[in-house]
Protein backbone atom coordinates (compact mmCIF):
# COMPACT_ATOMS: atom_id res chain seq x y z
CA UNK A 1 24.66 -61.70 -63.74
CA UNK A 2 27.21 -64.09 -65.08
CA UNK A 3 24.83 -65.39 -67.66
CA UNK A 4 24.31 -62.00 -69.22
CA UNK A 5 28.03 -61.47 -69.36
CA UNK A 6 28.50 -64.75 -71.11
CA UNK A 7 25.82 -63.77 -73.60
CA UNK A 8 27.62 -60.53 -74.37
CA UNK A 9 30.85 -62.31 -74.90
CA UNK A 10 29.24 -64.85 -77.27
CA UNK A 11 27.60 -62.07 -79.26
CA UNK A 12 31.02 -60.49 -79.78
CA UNK A 13 32.47 -63.78 -80.91
CA UNK A 14 29.60 -64.63 -83.26
CA UNK A 15 27.95 -61.62 -85.02
CA UNK A 16 24.84 -63.68 -85.59
CA UNK A 17 21.65 -61.85 -84.91
CA UNK A 18 19.37 -63.48 -82.21
CA UNK A 19 15.64 -63.82 -82.63
CA UNK A 20 15.08 -60.88 -80.37
CA UNK A 21 17.42 -58.58 -82.55
CA UNK A 22 15.59 -59.75 -85.72
CA UNK A 23 12.36 -58.74 -84.24
CA UNK A 24 13.68 -55.38 -83.28
CA UNK A 25 14.93 -54.72 -86.83
CA UNK A 26 11.60 -55.62 -88.26
CA UNK A 27 9.92 -53.23 -85.92
CA UNK A 28 12.31 -50.40 -86.73
CA UNK A 29 11.85 -50.83 -90.43
CA UNK A 30 8.00 -50.67 -89.91
CA UNK A 31 8.24 -47.56 -87.81
CA UNK A 32 10.32 -45.88 -90.58
């Protein structure tokens, strides 16, 4: 549980997209 919380904190600090987020974006663009 603590790991997921740390990940969320890191995401807020650095708005850098992770590989997962990039994949999601590509999928959304394709679906559109």
